[in-house]
Each structure stands twice: as C-alpha cells, then as structure tokens.
C-alpha cells in the first residue's frame, strides 16, 4: 500500500489521484506521522458500500432468527398477498 504525507497530497493531488486511478491501490494519508485517511478508487468504494449493505442485511436476518421473528413460507405469502397479486 502506498503511503503519502498530507502535505504531499496537498502539493501533488493530481499526480496522486492519477496514480490511484491507474494502480487501484489504496493510498494511506498520514498526518504528523499517524494514519489520517485512505484514498481509494471510486469503483472500490462503491463495491465496499454494496458489500456493507449485504452484510448488514445478513446480520439483521441472523438477529431475526435468534429473536424468533421468522415466518414460514406460507405465513410470509399470506402476509404479502396484497403485494404479490
């Protein structure tokens, strides 16, 4: 992973962004010697966000199962019948 100082980012943003687009490798931005932020490609960001939605949905489903908030297929069809016409 590439690491850049925040001051380098300020001075060479166009160059760093061009390299990021080409390499698709995240860039760790440091400030005062400590990690401050990551720069990632837009496509990678969108992919991560889509994955997060899926993982959150799975977690809600697992919680529903643990809390016994589940329906059989027949019960679900009955409850959703007004939308399934």
PDB file of N, CA and C in Angstrom:
ATOM      1  N   UNK A   1       0.840  -1.166   0.000  1.00  0.00           N
ATOM      2  CA  UNK A   1       0.000   0.000   0.000  1.00  0.00           C
ATOM      3  C   UNK A   1       0.893   1.240   0.000  1.00  0.00           C
ATOM      4  N   UNK A   2       0.487   2.194  -0.781  1.00  0.00           N
ATOM      5  CA  UNK A   2       1.235   3.439  -0.875  1.00  0.00           C
ATOM      6  C   UNK A   2       0.891   4.325   0.319  1.00  0.00           C
ATOM      7  N   UNK A   3       1.893   5.032   0.838  1.00  0.00           N
ATOM      8  CA  UNK A   3       1.706   5.941   1.966  1.00  0.00           C
ATOM      9  C   UNK A   3       2.197   7.318   1.530  1.00  0.00           C
ATOM     10  N   UNK A   4       1.386   8.328   1.803  1.00  0.00           N
ATOM     11  CA  UNK A   4       1.748   9.703   1.457  1.00  0.00           C
ATOM     12  C   UNK A   4       1.483  10.621   2.640  1.00  0.00           C
ATOM     13  N   UNK A   5       2.299  11.636   2.763  1.00  0.00           N
ATOM     14  CA  UNK A   5       2.078  12.673   3.764  1.00  0.00           C
ATOM     15  C   UNK A   5       0.946  13.575   3.297  1.00  0.00           C
ATOM     16  N   UNK A   6       0.205  14.141   4.225  1.00  0.00           N
ATOM     17  CA  UNK A   6      -0.877  15.047   3.869  1.00  0.00           C
ATOM     18  C   UNK A   6      -0.330  16.253   3.103  1.00  0.00           C
ATOM     19  N   UNK A   7       0.881  16.697   3.434  1.00  0.00           N
ATOM     20  CA  UNK A   7       1.472  17.831   2.710  1.00  0.00           C
ATOM     21  C   UNK A   7       1.782  17.456   1.262  1.00  0.00           C
ATOM     22  N   UNK A   8       2.191  16.210   1.028  1.00  0.00           N
ATOM     23  CA  UNK A   8       2.428  15.750  -0.340  1.00  0.00           C
ATOM     24  C   UNK A   8       1.111  15.706  -1.098  1.00  0.00           C
ATOM     25  N   UNK A   9       0.062  15.256  -0.444  1.00  0.00           N
ATOM     26  CA  UNK A   9      -1.255  15.235  -1.080  1.00  0.00           C
ATOM     27  C   UNK A   9      -1.671  16.653  -1.478  1.00  0.00           C
ATOM     28  N   UNK A  10      -1.449  17.609  -0.609  1.00  0.00           N
ATOM     29  CA  UNK A  10      -1.801  18.995  -0.918  1.00  0.00           C
ATOM     30  C   UNK A  10      -1.056  19.495  -2.151  1.00  0.00           C
ATOM     31  N   UNK A  11       0.228  19.150  -2.247  1.00  0.00           N
ATOM     32  CA  UNK A  11       1.060  19.649  -3.342  1.00  0.00           C
ATOM     33  C   UNK A  11       0.894  18.868  -4.639  1.00  0.00           C
ATOM     34  N   UNK A  12       0.624  17.566  -4.516  1.00  0.00           N
ATOM     35  CA  UNK A  12       0.630  16.707  -5.700  1.00  0.00           C
ATOM     36  C   UNK A  12      -0.668  15.915  -5.851  1.00  0.00           C
ATOM     37  N   UNK A  13      -1.795  16.518  -5.519  1.00  0.00           N
ATOM     38  CA  UNK A  13      -3.076  15.804  -5.544  1.00  0.00           C
ATOM     39  C   UNK A  13      -3.370  15.210  -6.913  1.00  0.00           C
ATOM     40  N   UNK A  14      -3.169  15.971  -7.961  1.00  0.00           N
ATOM     41  CA  UNK A  14      -3.469  15.490  -9.311  1.00  0.00           C
ATOM     42  C   UNK A  14      -2.640  14.261  -9.649  1.00  0.00           C
ATOM     43  N   UNK A  15      -1.356  14.302  -9.334  1.00  0.00           N
ATOM     44  CA  UNK A  15      -0.460  13.168  -9.603  1.00  0.00           C
ATOM     45  C   UNK A  15      -0.872  11.946  -8.786  1.00  0.00           C
ATOM     46  N   UNK A  16      -1.150  12.132  -7.518  1.00  0.00           N
ATOM     47  CA  UNK A  16      -1.520  11.012  -6.641  1.00  0.00           C
ATOM     48  C   UNK A  16      -2.833  10.399  -7.104  1.00  0.00           C
ATOM     49  N   UNK A  17      -3.798  11.223  -7.481  1.00  0.00           N
ATOM     50  CA  UNK A  17      -5.078  10.697  -7.970  1.00  0.00           C
ATOM     51  C   UNK A  17      -4.911   9.949  -9.288  1.00  0.00           C
ATOM     52  N   UNK A  18      -4.053  10.437 -10.150  1.00  0.00           N
ATOM     53  CA  UNK A  18      -3.798   9.737 -11.422  1.00  0.00           C
ATOM     54  C   UNK A  18      -3.181   8.371 -11.160  1.00  0.00           C
ATOM     55  N   UNK A  19      -2.233   8.301 -10.245  1.00  0.00           N
ATOM     56  CA  UNK A  19      -1.615   7.019  -9.889  1.00  0.00           C
ATOM     57  C   UNK A  19      -2.637   6.076  -9.262  1.00  0.00           C
ATOM     58  N   UNK A  20      -3.514   6.623  -8.441  1.00  0.00           N
ATOM     59  CA  UNK A  20      -4.553   5.820  -7.805  1.00  0.00           C
ATOM     60  C   UNK A  20      -5.483   5.219  -8.849  1.00  0.00           C
ATOM     61  N   UNK A  21      -5.904   6.030  -9.817  1.00  0.00           N
ATOM     62  CA  UNK A  21      -6.787   5.530 -10.881  1.00  0.00           C
ATOM     63  C   UNK A  21      -6.123   4.418 -11.678  1.00  0.00           C
ATOM     64  N   UNK A  22      -4.827   4.556 -11.908  1.00  0.00           N
ATOM     65  CA  UNK A  22      -4.111   3.553 -12.703  1.00  0.00           C
ATOM     66  C   UNK A  22      -3.829   2.277 -11.911  1.00  0.00           C
ATOM     67  N   UNK A  23      -3.359   2.421 -10.697  1.00  0.00           N
ATOM     68  CA  UNK A  23      -2.936   1.246  -9.917  1.00  0.00           C
ATOM     69  C   UNK A  23      -4.077   0.597  -9.139  1.00  0.00           C
ATOM     70  N   UNK A  24      -5.122   1.368  -8.829  1.00  0.00           N
ATOM     71  CA  UNK A  24      -6.247   0.895  -7.996  1.00  0.00           C
ATOM     72  C   UNK A  24      -5.795   0.551  -6.581  1.00  0.00           C
ATOM     73  N   UNK A  25      -4.571   0.920  -6.221  1.00  0.00           N
ATOM     74  CA  UNK A  25      -4.028   0.628  -4.897  1.00  0.00           C
ATOM     75  C   UNK A  25      -4.386   1.766  -3.934  1.00  0.00           C
ATOM     76  N   UNK A  26      -4.996   1.447  -2.781  1.00  0.00           N
ATOM     77  CA  UNK A  26      -5.331   2.500  -1.815  1.00  0.00           C
ATOM     78  C   UNK A  26      -4.093   3.275  -1.382  1.00  0.00           C
ATOM     79  N   UNK A  27      -4.306   4.523  -1.009  1.00  0.00           N
ATOM     80  CA  UNK A  27      -3.224   5.383  -0.532  1.00  0.00           C
ATOM     81  C   UNK A  27      -3.549   5.773   0.905  1.00  0.00           C
ATOM     82  N   UNK A  28      -2.627   5.480   1.806  1.00  0.00           N
ATOM     83  CA  UNK A  28      -2.774   5.879   3.200  1.00  0.00           C
ATOM     84  C   UNK A  28      -2.188   7.272   3.355  1.00  0.00           C
ATOM     85  N   UNK A  29      -2.992   8.189   3.851  1.00  0.00           N
ATOM     86  CA  UNK A  29      -2.534   9.557   4.084  1.00  0.00           C
ATOM     87  C   UNK A  29      -2.178   9.687   5.567  1.00  0.00           C
ATOM     88  N   UNK A  30      -0.970  10.181   5.822  1.00  0.00           N
ATOM     89  CA  UNK A  30      -0.540  10.347   7.211  1.00  0.00           C
ATOM     90  C   UNK A  30      -0.422  11.834   7.537  1.00  0.00           C
ATOM     91  N   UNK A  31      -0.677  12.114   8.796  1.00  0.00           N
ATOM     92  CA  UNK A  31      -0.591  13.485   9.296  1.00  0.00           C
ATOM     93  C   UNK A  31       0.154  13.424  10.622  1.00  0.00           C
ATOM     94  N   UNK A  32       1.254  14.147  10.703  1.00  0.00           N
ATOM     95  CA  UNK A  32       2.104  14.135  11.897  1.00  0.00           C
ATOM     96  C   UNK A  32       2.561  12.705  12.219  1.00  0.00           C
ATOM     97  N   UNK A  33       2.829  11.934  11.182  1.00  0.00           N
ATOM     98  CA  UNK A  33       3.342  10.575  11.356  1.00  0.00           C
ATOM     99  C   UNK A  33       2.298   9.534  11.709  1.00  0.00           C
ATOM    100  N   UNK A  34       1.030   9.929  11.748  1.00  0.00           N
ATOM    101  CA  UNK A  34      -0.028   8.991  12.119  1.00  0.00           C
ATOM    102  C   UNK A  34      -1.026   8.838  10.972  1.00  0.00           C
ATOM    103  N   UNK A  35      -1.592   7.641  10.806  1.00  0.00           N
ATOM    104  CA  UNK A  35      -2.603   7.455   9.761  1.00  0.00           C
ATOM    105  C   UNK A  35      -3.763   8.432   9.951  1.00  0.00           C
ATOM    106  N   UNK A  36      -4.196   9.035   8.856  1.00  0.00           N
ATOM    107  CA  UNK A  36      -5.258  10.031   8.930  1.00  0.00           C
ATOM    108  C   UNK A  36      -6.449   9.660   8.057  1.00  0.00           C
ATOM    109  N   UNK A  37      -6.175   9.121   6.847  1.00  0.00           N
ATOM    110  CA  UNK A  37      -7.266   8.791   5.925  1.00  0.00           C
ATOM    111  C   UNK A  37      -6.737   7.857   4.841  1.00  0.00           C
ATOM    112  N   UNK A  38      -7.673   7.231   4.151  1.00  0.00           N
ATOM    113  CA  UNK A  38      -7.346   6.416   2.984  1.00  0.00           C
ATOM    114  C   UNK A  38      -7.975   7.044   1.761  1.00  0.00           C
ATOM    115  N   UNK A  39      -7.251   7.038   0.676  1.00  0.00           N
ATOM    116  CA  UNK A  39      -7.814   7.373  -0.627  1.00  0.00           C
ATOM    117  C   UNK A  39      -8.016   6.061  -1.358  1.00  0.00           C
ATOM    118  N   UNK A  40      -9.228   5.841  -1.858  1.00  0.00           N
ATOM    119  CA  UNK A  40      -9.488   4.629  -2.626  1.00  0.00           C
ATOM    120  C   UNK A  40     -10.230   4.992  -3.899  1.00  0.00           C
ATOM    121  N   UNK A  41     -10.111   4.133  -4.874  1.00  0.00           N
ATOM    122  CA  UNK A  41     -10.768   4.300  -6.151  1.00  0.00           C
ATOM    123  C   UNK A  41     -12.292   4.311  -5.961  1.00  0.00           C
ATOM    124  N   UNK A  42     -12.997   5.087  -6.750  1.00  0.00           N
ATOM    125  CA  UNK A  42     -14.453   5.207  -6.645  1.00  0.00           C
ATOM    126  C   UNK A  42     -15.136   3.850  -6.828  1.00  0.00           C
ATOM    127  N   UNK A  43     -14.690   3.070  -7.800  1.00  0.00           N
ATOM    128  CA  UNK A  43     -15.293   1.749  -8.018  1.00  0.00           C
ATOM    129  C   UNK A  43     -15.102   0.852  -6.798  1.00  0.00           C
ATOM    130  N   UNK A  44     -13.917   0.913  -6.190  1.00  0.00           N
ATOM    131  CA  UNK A  44     -13.665   0.120  -4.984  1.00  0.00           C
ATOM    132  C   UNK A  44     -14.547   0.587  -3.831  1.00  0.00           C
ATOM    133  N   UNK A  45     -14.712   1.891  -3.701  1.00  0.00           N
ATOM    134  CA  UNK A  45     -15.576   2.429  -2.650  1.00  0.00           C
ATOM    135  C   UNK A  45     -17.006   1.937  -2.834  1.00  0.00           C
ATOM    136  N   UNK A  46     -17.518   2.025  -4.059  1.00  0.00           N
ATOM    137  CA  UNK A  46     -18.884   1.569  -4.331  1.00  0.00           C
ATOM    138  C   UNK A  46     -19.042   0.073  -4.064  1.00  0.00           C
ATOM    139  N   UNK A  47     -18.035  -0.704  -4.424  1.00  0.00           N
ATOM    140  CA  UNK A  47     -18.049  -2.147  -4.161  1.00  0.00           C
ATOM    141  C   UNK A  47     -18.126  -2.410  -2.659  1.00  0.00           C
ATOM    142  N   UNK A  48     -17.323  -1.689  -1.891  1.00  0.00           N
ATOM    143  CA  UNK A  48     -17.315  -1.851  -0.434  1.00  0.00           C
ATOM    144  C   UNK A  48     -18.673  -1.475   0.149  1.00  0.00           C
ATOM    145  N   UNK A  49     -19.270  -0.394  -0.340  1.00  0.00           N
ATOM    146  CA  UNK A  49     -20.571   0.028   0.162  1.00  0.00           C
ATOM    147  C   UNK A  49     -21.646  -1.016  -0.153  1.00  0.00           C
ATOM    148  N   UNK A  50     -21.605  -1.583  -1.359  1.00  0.00           N
ATOM    149  CA  UNK A  50     -22.563  -2.633  -1.723  1.00  0.00           C
ATOM    150  C   UNK A  50     -22.399  -3.850  -0.825  1.00  0.00           C
ATOM    151  N   UNK A  51     -21.163  -4.235  -0.560  1.00  0.00           N
ATOM    152  CA  UNK A  51     -20.896  -5.367   0.331  1.00  0.00           C
ATOM    153  C   UNK A  51     -21.410  -5.093   1.730  1.00  0.00           C
ATOM    154  N   UNK A  52     -21.233  -3.864   2.188  1.00  0.00           N
ATOM    155  CA  UNK A  52     -21.679  -3.495   3.529  1.00  0.00           C
ATOM    156  C   UNK A  52     -23.190  -3.635   3.652  1.00  0.00           C
ATOM    157  N   UNK A  53     -23.928  -3.224   2.627  1.00  0.00           N
ATOM    158  CA  UNK A  53     -25.387  -3.370   2.637  1.00  0.00           C
ATOM    159  C   UNK A  53     -25.769  -4.845   2.759  1.00  0.00           C
ATOM    160  N   UNK A  54     -25.088  -5.698   2.004  1.00  0.00           N
ATOM    161  CA  UNK A  54     -25.367  -7.140   2.052  1.00  0.00           C
ATOM    162  C   UNK A  54     -25.063  -7.696   3.442  1.00  0.00           C
ATOM    163  N   UNK A  55     -23.910  -7.336   4.000  1.00  0.00           N
ATOM    164  CA  UNK A  55     -23.532  -7.841   5.322  1.00  0.00           C
ATOM    165  C   UNK A  55     -24.497  -7.360   6.405  1.00  0.00           C
ATOM    166  N   UNK A  56     -24.936  -6.100   6.309  1.00  0.00           N
ATOM    167  CA  UNK A  56     -25.895  -5.596   7.289  1.00  0.00           C
ATOM    168  C   UNK A  56     -27.227  -6.334   7.177  1.00  0.00           C
ATOM    169  N   UNK A  57     -27.639  -6.650   5.959  1.00  0.00           N
ATOM    170  CA  UNK A  57     -28.880  -7.405   5.761  1.00  0.00           C
ATOM    171  C   UNK A  57     -28.764  -8.804   6.350  1.00  0.00           C
ATOM    172  N   UNK A  58     -27.632  -9.439   6.138  1.00  0.00           N
ATOM    173  CA  UNK A  58     -27.414 -10.767   6.715  1.00  0.00           C
ATOM    174  C   UNK A  58     -27.440 -10.713   8.244  1.00  0.00           C
ATOM    175  N   UNK A  59     -26.822  -9.684   8.799  1.00  0.00           N
ATOM    176  CA  UNK A  59     -26.810  -9.537  10.259  1.00  0.00           C
ATOM    177  C   UNK A  59     -28.220  -9.334  10.800  1.00  0.00           C
ATOM    178  N   UNK A  60     -29.041  -8.526  10.100  1.00  0.00           N
ATOM    179  CA  UNK A  60     -30.425  -8.342  10.541  1.00  0.00           C
ATOM    180  C   UNK A  60     -31.185  -9.664  10.466  1.00  0.00           C
ATOM    181  N   UNK A  61     -30.943 -10.442   9.410  1.00  0.00           N
ATOM    182  CA  UNK A  61     -31.598 -11.735   9.274  1.00  0.00           C
ATOM    183  C   UNK A  61     -31.202 -12.691  10.389  1.00  0.00           C
ATOM    184  N   UNK A  62     -29.918 -12.720  10.713  1.00  0.00           N
ATOM    185  CA  UNK A  62     -29.459 -13.595  11.799  1.00  0.00           C
ATOM    186  C   UNK A  62     -30.060 -13.167  13.138  1.00  0.00           C
ATOM    187  N   UNK A  63     -30.160 -11.869  13.355  1.00  0.00           N
ATOM    188  CA  UNK A  63     -30.772 -11.369  14.591  1.00  0.00           C
ATOM    189  C   UNK A  63     -32.244 -11.758  14.646  1.00  0.00           C
ATOM    190  N   UNK A  64     -32.935 -11.650  13.523  1.00  0.00           N
ATOM    191  CA  UNK A  64     -34.351 -12.034  13.477  1.00  0.00           C
ATOM    192  C   UNK A  64     -34.514 -13.513  13.811  1.00  0.00           C
ATOM    193  N   UNK A  65     -33.633 -14.351  13.293  1.00  0.00           N
ATOM    194  CA  UNK A  65     -33.698 -15.790  13.596  1.00  0.00           C
ATOM    195  C   UNK A  65     -33.468 -16.023  15.085  1.00  0.00           C
ATOM    196  N   UNK A  66     -32.460 -15.374  15.658  1.00  0.00           N
ATOM    197  CA  UNK A  66     -32.168 -15.539  17.081  1.00  0.00           C
ATOM    198  C   UNK A  66     -33.327 -15.064  17.949  1.00  0.00           C
ATOM    199  N   UNK A  67     -34.025 -14.015  17.503  1.00  0.00           N
ATOM    200  CA  UNK A  67     -35.155 -13.470  18.258  1.00  0.00           C
ATOM    201  C   UNK A  67     -36.470 -14.160  17.906  1.00  0.00           C
ATOM    202  N   UNK A  68     -36.392 -15.197  17.102  1.00  0.00           N
ATOM    203  CA  UNK A  68     -37.554 -15.973  16.665  1.00  0.00           C
ATOM    204  C   UNK A  68     -38.592 -15.097  15.951  1.00  0.00           C
ATOM    205  N   UNK A  69     -38.117 -14.143  15.177  1.00  0.00           N
ATOM    206  CA  UNK A  69     -39.000 -13.291  14.375  1.00  0.00           C
ATOM    207  C   UNK A  69     -38.942 -13.771  12.926  1.00  0.00           C
ATOM    208  N   UNK A  70     -39.418 -14.966  12.701  1.00  0.00           N
ATOM    209  CA  UNK A  70     -39.377 -15.571  11.365  1.00  0.00           C
ATOM    210  C   UNK A  70     -40.757 -16.100  10.998  1.00  0.00           C
ATOM    211  N   UNK A  71     -40.988 -16.251   9.703  1.00  0.00           N
ATOM    212  CA  UNK A  71     -42.249 -16.763   9.192  1.00  0.00           C
ATOM    213  C   UNK A  71     -41.974 -17.944   8.270  1.00  0.00           C
ATOM    214  N   UNK A  72     -42.893 -18.861   8.248  1.00  0.00           N
ATOM    215  CA  UNK A  72     -42.812 -19.936   7.259  1.00  0.00           C
ATOM    216  C   UNK A  72     -43.138 -19.321   5.899  1.00  0.00           C
ATOM    217  N   UNK A  73     -42.883 -20.072   4.836  1.00  0.00           N
ATOM    218  CA  UNK A  73     -43.184 -19.572   3.506  1.00  0.00           C
ATOM    219  C   UNK A  73     -44.689 -19.289   3.357  1.00  0.00           C
ATOM    220  N   UNK A  74     -45.504 -20.169   3.903  1.00  0.00           N
ATOM    221  CA  UNK A  74     -46.962 -19.986   3.830  1.00  0.00           C
ATOM    222  C   UNK A  74     -47.389 -18.723   4.560  1.00  0.00           C
ATOM    223  N   UNK A  75     -46.853 -18.521   5.767  1.00  0.00           N
ATOM    224  CA  UNK A  75     -47.180 -17.323   6.533  1.00  0.00           C
ATOM    225  C   UNK A  75     -46.713 -16.059   5.807  1.00  0.00           C
ATOM    226  N   UNK A  76     -45.532 -16.118   5.232  1.00  0.00           N
ATOM    227  CA  UNK A  76     -44.998 -14.955   4.520  1.00  0.00           C
ATOM    228  C   UNK A  76     -45.849 -14.629   3.304  1.00  0.00           C
ATOM    229  N   UNK A  77     -46.259 -15.650   2.560  1.00  0.00           N
ATOM    230  CA  UNK A  77     -47.116 -15.426   1.384  1.00  0.00           C
ATOM    231  C   UNK A  77     -48.443 -14.784   1.799  1.00  0.00           C
ATOM    232  N   UNK A  78     -49.001 -15.260   2.912  1.00  0.00           N
ATOM    233  CA  UNK A  78     -50.272 -14.724   3.392  1.00  0.00           C
ATOM    234  C   UNK A  78     -50.103 -13.244   3.761  1.00  0.00           C
ATOM    235  N   UNK A  79     -49.037 -12.910   4.489  1.00  0.00           N
ATOM    236  CA  UNK A  79     -48.803 -11.529   4.897  1.00  0.00           C
ATOM    237  C   UNK A  79     -48.512 -10.620   3.704  1.00  0.00           C
ATOM    238  N   UNK A  80     -47.905 -11.160   2.652  1.00  0.00           N
ATOM    239  CA  UNK A  80     -47.517 -10.349   1.499  1.00  0.00           C
ATOM    240  C   UNK A  80     -48.490 -10.481   0.323  1.00  0.00           C
ATOM    241  N   UNK A  81     -49.588 -11.158   0.527  1.00  0.00           N
ATOM    242  CA  UNK A  81     -50.503 -11.448  -0.579  1.00  0.00           C
ATOM    243  C   UNK A  81     -50.987 -10.189  -1.300  1.00  0.00           C
ATOM    244  N   UNK A  82     -51.166  -9.111  -0.572  1.00  0.00           N
ATOM    245  CA  UNK A  82     -51.635  -7.886  -1.228  1.00  0.00           C
ATOM    246  C   UNK A  82     -50.595  -7.306  -2.184  1.00  0.00           C
ATOM    247  N   UNK A  83     -49.315  -7.629  -2.006  1.00  0.00           N
ATOM    248  CA  UNK A  83     -48.274  -7.143  -2.916  1.00  0.00           C
ATOM    249  C   UNK A  83     -47.934  -8.155  -4.006  1.00  0.00           C
ATOM    250  N   UNK A  84     -48.352  -9.397  -3.845  1.00  0.00           N
ATOM    251  CA  UNK A  84     -47.990 -10.449  -4.791  1.00  0.00           C
ATOM    252  C   UNK A  84     -49.043 -10.703  -5.861  1.00  0.00           C
ATOM    253  N   UNK A  85     -50.068  -9.907  -5.931  1.00  0.00           N
ATOM    254  CA  UNK A  85     -51.145 -10.110  -6.909  1.00  0.00           C
ATOM    255  C   UNK A  85     -50.727  -9.761  -8.298  1.00  0.00           C
TER     256      UNK A  85
END
